[in-house]
Amino acid sequence: VQLVESGGGLVQPGGSLRLSCAASGFTFSNYVMSWYRQAPGKERELVALISNHDRSTKYVDSVKGRFTISRDNAKNTVYLQMSSLKPEDTAVYFCGAGPPWRLDPTYWGQGTQVTVSS
């Protein structure tokens, strides 16, 4: 099983980034996909998730209206479009995959750094 994130980097406040997570080694379409983040000195938090069956989505309040999660089952890839970025969005972003009956992901990516700074 592999989850490989890409698309992180340095961006100015107000800017945008799109993260991608390419999955392999499991049946992608059967799994809930999620993005988590962890800032220095803080616990890992759920940012967004997208269901496997109806593509319903959930977001942490702090990113609602700014971030959009989506998935392409044909490409085994999940995305996180981030707009109007703020310095407090700075963190390592992790992709997660889990079966629908679990609260937490079973599989994790290695993470990609997002830094929002002028």
N, C-alpha and C. Protein backbone atom coordinates (compact mmCIF):
# COMPACT_ATOMS: atom_id res chain seq x y z
N VAL A 1 0.85 -1.20 0.00
CA VAL A 1 0.00 0.00 0.00
C VAL A 1 0.88 1.24 0.00
N GLN A 2 0.51 2.18 -0.85
CA GLN A 2 1.24 3.45 -0.88
C GLN A 2 0.27 4.61 -1.04
N LEU A 3 0.53 5.68 -0.29
CA LEU A 3 -0.13 6.96 -0.48
C LEU A 3 0.98 7.99 -0.64
N VAL A 4 1.02 8.64 -1.78
CA VAL A 4 2.11 9.57 -2.07
C VAL A 4 1.53 10.96 -2.32
N GLU A 5 1.82 11.86 -1.39
CA GLU A 5 1.35 13.24 -1.51
C GLU A 5 2.32 14.07 -2.34
N SER A 6 1.78 15.08 -2.98
CA SER A 6 2.60 16.04 -3.73
C SER A 6 1.84 17.36 -3.78
N GLY A 7 2.56 18.42 -4.16
CA GLY A 7 1.93 19.72 -4.35
C GLY A 7 2.16 20.73 -3.24
N GLY A 8 2.83 20.32 -2.18
CA GLY A 8 3.11 21.26 -1.12
C GLY A 8 4.17 22.27 -1.53
N GLY A 9 4.37 23.28 -0.66
CA GLY A 9 5.39 24.27 -0.96
C GLY A 9 5.17 25.54 -0.15
N LEU A 10 5.86 26.58 -0.58
CA LEU A 10 5.78 27.88 0.06
C LEU A 10 4.85 28.77 -0.76
N VAL A 11 3.91 29.40 -0.09
CA VAL A 11 2.96 30.27 -0.77
C VAL A 11 2.70 31.49 0.10
N GLN A 12 2.41 32.61 -0.52
CA GLN A 12 2.11 33.83 0.22
C GLN A 12 0.68 33.79 0.77
N PRO A 13 0.43 34.50 1.84
CA PRO A 13 -0.95 34.59 2.34
C PRO A 13 -1.90 35.05 1.25
N GLY A 14 -3.06 34.40 1.19
CA GLY A 14 -4.03 34.69 0.15
C GLY A 14 -3.86 33.85 -1.09
N GLY A 15 -2.77 33.12 -1.17
CA GLY A 15 -2.49 32.30 -2.34
C GLY A 15 -3.20 30.96 -2.31
N SER A 16 -2.91 30.15 -3.33
CA SER A 16 -3.57 28.85 -3.49
C SER A 16 -2.54 27.76 -3.75
N LEU A 17 -2.91 26.55 -3.36
CA LEU A 17 -2.14 25.35 -3.67
C LEU A 17 -3.12 24.21 -3.88
N ARG A 18 -2.70 23.24 -4.69
CA ARG A 18 -3.48 22.02 -4.81
C ARG A 18 -2.61 20.84 -4.45
N LEU A 19 -3.02 20.12 -3.43
CA LEU A 19 -2.33 18.90 -3.03
C LEU A 19 -2.95 17.71 -3.73
N SER A 20 -2.11 16.74 -4.06
CA SER A 20 -2.56 15.49 -4.66
C SER A 20 -2.05 14.33 -3.83
N CYS A 21 -2.80 13.26 -3.83
CA CYS A 21 -2.38 12.04 -3.14
C CYS A 21 -2.71 10.86 -4.05
N ALA A 22 -1.66 10.21 -4.55
CA ALA A 22 -1.82 9.06 -5.44
C ALA A 22 -1.76 7.79 -4.61
N ALA A 23 -2.79 6.95 -4.77
CA ALA A 23 -2.90 5.74 -3.97
C ALA A 23 -2.66 4.49 -4.81
N SER A 24 -2.13 3.46 -4.17
CA SER A 24 -1.94 2.18 -4.83
C SER A 24 -1.91 1.08 -3.78
N GLY A 25 -2.22 -0.13 -4.22
CA GLY A 25 -2.13 -1.28 -3.33
C GLY A 25 -3.40 -1.65 -2.60
N PHE A 26 -4.47 -0.92 -2.84
CA PHE A 26 -5.76 -1.25 -2.25
C PHE A 26 -6.85 -0.76 -3.19
N THR A 27 -8.10 -1.16 -2.93
CA THR A 27 -9.21 -0.78 -3.79
C THR A 27 -9.67 0.62 -3.40
N PHE A 28 -9.13 1.59 -4.11
CA PHE A 28 -9.32 3.00 -3.78
C PHE A 28 -10.79 3.38 -3.64
N SER A 29 -11.61 2.90 -4.56
CA SER A 29 -13.02 3.31 -4.60
C SER A 29 -13.81 2.83 -3.39
N ASN A 30 -13.26 1.90 -2.61
CA ASN A 30 -13.94 1.38 -1.43
C ASN A 30 -13.58 2.13 -0.15
N TYR A 31 -12.68 3.08 -0.25
CA TYR A 31 -12.14 3.73 0.93
C TYR A 31 -12.55 5.20 1.05
N VAL A 32 -12.82 5.60 2.28
CA VAL A 32 -12.96 7.01 2.60
C VAL A 32 -11.57 7.64 2.56
N MET A 33 -11.46 8.76 1.87
CA MET A 33 -10.17 9.44 1.76
C MET A 33 -10.21 10.74 2.56
N SER A 34 -9.09 11.09 3.15
CA SER A 34 -9.06 12.25 4.02
C SER A 34 -7.72 12.96 3.94
N TRP A 35 -7.76 14.20 4.37
CA TRP A 35 -6.54 15.00 4.54
C TRP A 35 -6.48 15.44 6.00
N TYR A 36 -5.32 15.26 6.60
CA TYR A 36 -5.04 15.71 7.94
C TYR A 36 -3.86 16.69 7.86
N ARG A 37 -3.66 17.44 8.92
CA ARG A 37 -2.48 18.30 8.99
C ARG A 37 -1.97 18.34 10.43
N GLN A 38 -0.68 18.61 10.52
CA GLN A 38 -0.05 18.73 11.82
C GLN A 38 0.93 19.88 11.80
N ALA A 39 0.65 20.87 12.61
CA ALA A 39 1.53 22.02 12.76
C ALA A 39 2.52 21.76 13.89
N PRO A 40 3.66 22.44 13.89
CA PRO A 40 4.65 22.22 14.95
C PRO A 40 4.04 22.43 16.33
N GLY A 41 4.26 21.47 17.20
CA GLY A 41 3.78 21.57 18.57
C GLY A 41 2.30 21.31 18.76
N LYS A 42 1.62 20.92 17.68
CA LYS A 42 0.18 20.67 17.76
C LYS A 42 -0.13 19.23 17.36
N GLU A 43 -1.32 18.79 17.76
CA GLU A 43 -1.76 17.46 17.39
C GLU A 43 -2.23 17.45 15.94
N ARG A 44 -2.18 16.25 15.35
CA ARG A 44 -2.69 16.09 14.00
C ARG A 44 -4.20 16.29 14.02
N GLU A 45 -4.72 17.04 13.05
CA GLU A 45 -6.15 17.29 12.99
C GLU A 45 -6.70 16.95 11.61
N LEU A 46 -7.95 16.50 11.61
CA LEU A 46 -8.63 16.22 10.36
C LEU A 46 -8.98 17.54 9.68
N VAL A 47 -8.62 17.67 8.42
CA VAL A 47 -8.93 18.86 7.64
C VAL A 47 -10.18 18.63 6.79
N ALA A 48 -10.22 17.51 6.08
CA ALA A 48 -11.34 17.23 5.19
C ALA A 48 -11.38 15.75 4.88
N LEU A 49 -12.58 15.25 4.60
CA LEU A 49 -12.71 13.88 4.14
C LEU A 49 -13.79 13.79 3.08
N ILE A 50 -13.70 12.74 2.26
CA ILE A 50 -14.67 12.51 1.21
C ILE A 50 -15.03 11.03 1.23
N SER A 51 -16.32 10.77 1.20
CA SER A 51 -16.77 9.39 1.32
C SER A 51 -16.52 8.62 0.03
N ASN A 52 -16.62 7.30 0.13
CA ASN A 52 -16.37 6.47 -1.03
C ASN A 52 -17.63 6.26 -1.85
N HIS A 53 -18.82 6.26 -1.23
CA HIS A 53 -20.00 5.86 -1.98
C HIS A 53 -20.75 7.03 -2.61
N ASP A 54 -20.89 8.17 -1.91
CA ASP A 54 -21.65 9.28 -2.49
C ASP A 54 -20.83 10.56 -2.59
N ARG A 55 -19.55 10.45 -2.28
CA ARG A 55 -18.62 11.59 -2.36
C ARG A 55 -19.05 12.75 -1.47
N SER A 56 -19.80 12.47 -0.42
CA SER A 56 -20.11 13.53 0.53
C SER A 56 -18.83 13.95 1.23
N THR A 57 -18.79 15.20 1.65
CA THR A 57 -17.56 15.76 2.20
C THR A 57 -17.81 16.38 3.58
N LYS A 58 -16.74 16.45 4.34
CA LYS A 58 -16.76 17.13 5.63
C LYS A 58 -15.49 17.93 5.77
N TYR A 59 -15.59 19.08 6.46
CA TYR A 59 -14.44 19.95 6.63
C TYR A 59 -14.36 20.43 8.07
N VAL A 60 -13.15 20.67 8.54
CA VAL A 60 -12.99 21.35 9.80
C VAL A 60 -13.44 22.80 9.60
N ASP A 61 -14.02 23.40 10.61
CA ASP A 61 -14.61 24.73 10.47
C ASP A 61 -13.62 25.76 9.94
N SER A 62 -12.37 25.65 10.33
CA SER A 62 -11.38 26.67 9.97
C SER A 62 -11.07 26.72 8.48
N VAL A 63 -11.44 25.70 7.72
CA VAL A 63 -11.14 25.70 6.28
C VAL A 63 -12.39 25.75 5.41
N LYS A 64 -13.55 25.72 6.02
CA LYS A 64 -14.79 25.75 5.23
C LYS A 64 -14.86 26.99 4.36
N GLY A 65 -15.21 26.79 3.10
CA GLY A 65 -15.28 27.89 2.16
C GLY A 65 -13.96 28.22 1.50
N ARG A 66 -12.86 27.64 1.98
CA ARG A 66 -11.54 27.92 1.40
C ARG A 66 -10.91 26.67 0.78
N PHE A 67 -11.18 25.51 1.35
CA PHE A 67 -10.59 24.26 0.87
C PHE A 67 -11.67 23.39 0.25
N THR A 68 -11.28 22.62 -0.77
CA THR A 68 -12.19 21.68 -1.40
C THR A 68 -11.48 20.35 -1.60
N ILE A 69 -12.08 19.29 -1.09
CA ILE A 69 -11.55 17.95 -1.30
C ILE A 69 -12.32 17.29 -2.44
N SER A 70 -11.61 16.54 -3.27
CA SER A 70 -12.25 15.82 -4.36
C SER A 70 -11.47 14.54 -4.62
N ARG A 71 -12.08 13.64 -5.37
CA ARG A 71 -11.40 12.38 -5.68
C ARG A 71 -11.69 11.97 -7.11
N ASP A 72 -10.72 11.26 -7.69
CA ASP A 72 -10.85 10.71 -9.03
C ASP A 72 -10.58 9.22 -8.92
N ASN A 73 -11.65 8.44 -8.88
CA ASN A 73 -11.47 7.00 -8.68
C ASN A 73 -10.78 6.33 -9.87
N ALA A 74 -10.90 6.92 -11.05
CA ALA A 74 -10.22 6.34 -12.22
C ALA A 74 -8.71 6.49 -12.12
N LYS A 75 -8.28 7.54 -11.40
CA LYS A 75 -6.84 7.79 -11.25
C LYS A 75 -6.32 7.42 -9.87
N ASN A 76 -7.21 6.89 -9.01
CA ASN A 76 -6.82 6.54 -7.64
C ASN A 76 -6.14 7.71 -6.94
N THR A 77 -6.73 8.86 -7.07
CA THR A 77 -6.11 10.08 -6.54
C THR A 77 -7.16 10.93 -5.82
N VAL A 78 -6.73 11.51 -4.71
CA VAL A 78 -7.55 12.46 -3.97
C VAL A 78 -6.81 13.80 -3.97
N TYR A 79 -7.58 14.87 -4.02
CA TYR A 79 -7.02 16.20 -4.11
C TYR A 79 -7.51 17.07 -2.95
N LEU A 80 -6.71 18.10 -2.65
CA LEU A 80 -7.15 19.13 -1.73
C LEU A 80 -6.80 20.47 -2.36
N GLN A 81 -7.82 21.17 -2.84
CA GLN A 81 -7.62 22.51 -3.39
C GLN A 81 -7.72 23.50 -2.24
N MET A 82 -6.66 24.26 -2.04
CA MET A 82 -6.59 25.20 -0.92
C MET A 82 -6.49 26.61 -1.48
N SER A 83 -7.40 27.46 -1.06
CA SER A 83 -7.40 28.85 -1.50
C SER A 83 -7.44 29.78 -0.30
N SER A 84 -7.17 31.06 -0.56
CA SER A 84 -7.16 32.06 0.52
C SER A 84 -6.36 31.57 1.71
N LEU A 85 -5.19 31.07 1.43
CA LEU A 85 -4.36 30.47 2.48
C LEU A 85 -3.92 31.50 3.50
N LYS A 86 -3.83 31.03 4.73
CA LYS A 86 -3.45 31.87 5.87
C LYS A 86 -2.21 31.30 6.53
N PRO A 87 -1.45 32.12 7.23
CA PRO A 87 -0.27 31.59 7.93
C PRO A 87 -0.61 30.43 8.87
N GLU A 88 -1.78 30.45 9.45
CA GLU A 88 -2.17 29.36 10.35
C GLU A 88 -2.48 28.05 9.63
N ASP A 89 -2.49 28.07 8.31
CA ASP A 89 -2.62 26.82 7.55
C ASP A 89 -1.28 26.11 7.40
N THR A 90 -0.21 26.74 7.83
CA THR A 90 1.11 26.14 7.74
C THR A 90 1.17 24.85 8.56
N ALA A 91 1.54 23.76 7.90
CA ALA A 91 1.58 22.45 8.55
C ALA A 91 2.10 21.43 7.57
N VAL A 92 2.36 20.24 8.08
CA VAL A 92 2.57 19.08 7.21
C VAL A 92 1.19 18.46 6.97
N TYR A 93 0.87 18.27 5.70
CA TYR A 93 -0.43 17.72 5.32
C TYR A 93 -0.26 16.25 4.94
N PHE A 94 -1.13 15.42 5.53
CA PHE A 94 -1.07 13.97 5.33
C PHE A 94 -2.36 13.49 4.65
N CYS A 95 -2.19 12.57 3.76
CA CYS A 95 -3.30 11.89 3.13
C CYS A 95 -3.60 10.62 3.91
N GLY A 96 -4.89 10.31 4.10
CA GLY A 96 -5.28 9.10 4.81
C GLY A 96 -6.34 8.33 4.04
N ALA A 97 -6.37 7.03 4.24
CA ALA A 97 -7.37 6.16 3.61
C ALA A 97 -7.88 5.18 4.64
N GLY A 98 -9.20 5.04 4.72
CA GLY A 98 -9.76 4.10 5.67
C GLY A 98 -11.08 3.53 5.20
N PRO A 99 -11.43 2.33 5.63
CA PRO A 99 -12.73 1.77 5.28
C PRO A 99 -13.83 2.57 5.95
N PRO A 100 -15.04 2.54 5.40
CA PRO A 100 -16.12 3.40 5.91
C PRO A 100 -16.48 3.17 7.37
N TRP A 101 -16.20 1.97 7.89
CA TRP A 101 -16.62 1.68 9.26
C TRP A 101 -15.59 2.10 10.31
N ARG A 102 -14.46 2.67 9.86
CA ARG A 102 -13.46 3.14 10.81
C ARG A 102 -13.51 4.64 10.96
N LEU A 103 -13.23 5.13 12.17
CA LEU A 103 -13.18 6.56 12.40
C LEU A 103 -11.89 7.16 11.89
N ASP A 104 -10.81 6.39 11.95
CA ASP A 104 -9.49 6.90 11.58
C ASP A 104 -8.97 6.14 10.37
N PRO A 105 -8.04 6.76 9.62
CA PRO A 105 -7.46 6.07 8.46
C PRO A 105 -6.68 4.82 8.86
N THR A 106 -6.70 3.88 7.94
CA THR A 106 -5.87 2.68 8.08
C THR A 106 -4.49 2.92 7.50
N TYR A 107 -4.46 3.66 6.41
CA TYR A 107 -3.20 3.93 5.70
C TYR A 107 -2.92 5.43 5.70
N TRP A 108 -1.62 5.74 5.74
CA TRP A 108 -1.18 7.13 5.77
C TRP A 108 -0.09 7.37 4.73
N GLY A 109 -0.08 8.59 4.19
CA GLY A 109 1.04 9.02 3.36
C GLY A 109 2.15 9.57 4.23
N GLN A 110 3.23 9.99 3.58
CA GLN A 110 4.40 10.46 4.31
C GLN A 110 4.31 11.95 4.65
N GLY A 111 3.38 12.64 4.03
CA GLY A 111 3.18 14.05 4.34
C GLY A 111 3.87 14.97 3.36
N THR A 112 3.30 16.17 3.20
CA THR A 112 3.90 17.20 2.37
C THR A 112 3.78 18.53 3.11
N GLN A 113 4.86 19.29 3.08
CA GLN A 113 4.91 20.54 3.85
C GLN A 113 4.22 21.66 3.08
N VAL A 114 3.35 22.38 3.78
CA VAL A 114 2.73 23.59 3.26
C VAL A 114 3.12 24.73 4.19
N THR A 115 3.75 25.75 3.63
CA THR A 115 4.17 26.91 4.40
C THR A 115 3.55 28.16 3.79
N VAL A 116 2.80 28.88 4.62
CA VAL A 116 2.14 30.11 4.16
C VAL A 116 2.84 31.28 4.86
N SER A 117 3.57 32.04 4.08
CA SER A 117 4.38 33.12 4.66
C SER A 117 4.70 34.15 3.59
N SER A 118 4.81 35.39 4.03
CA SER A 118 5.22 36.45 3.11
C SER A 118 6.73 36.66 3.18
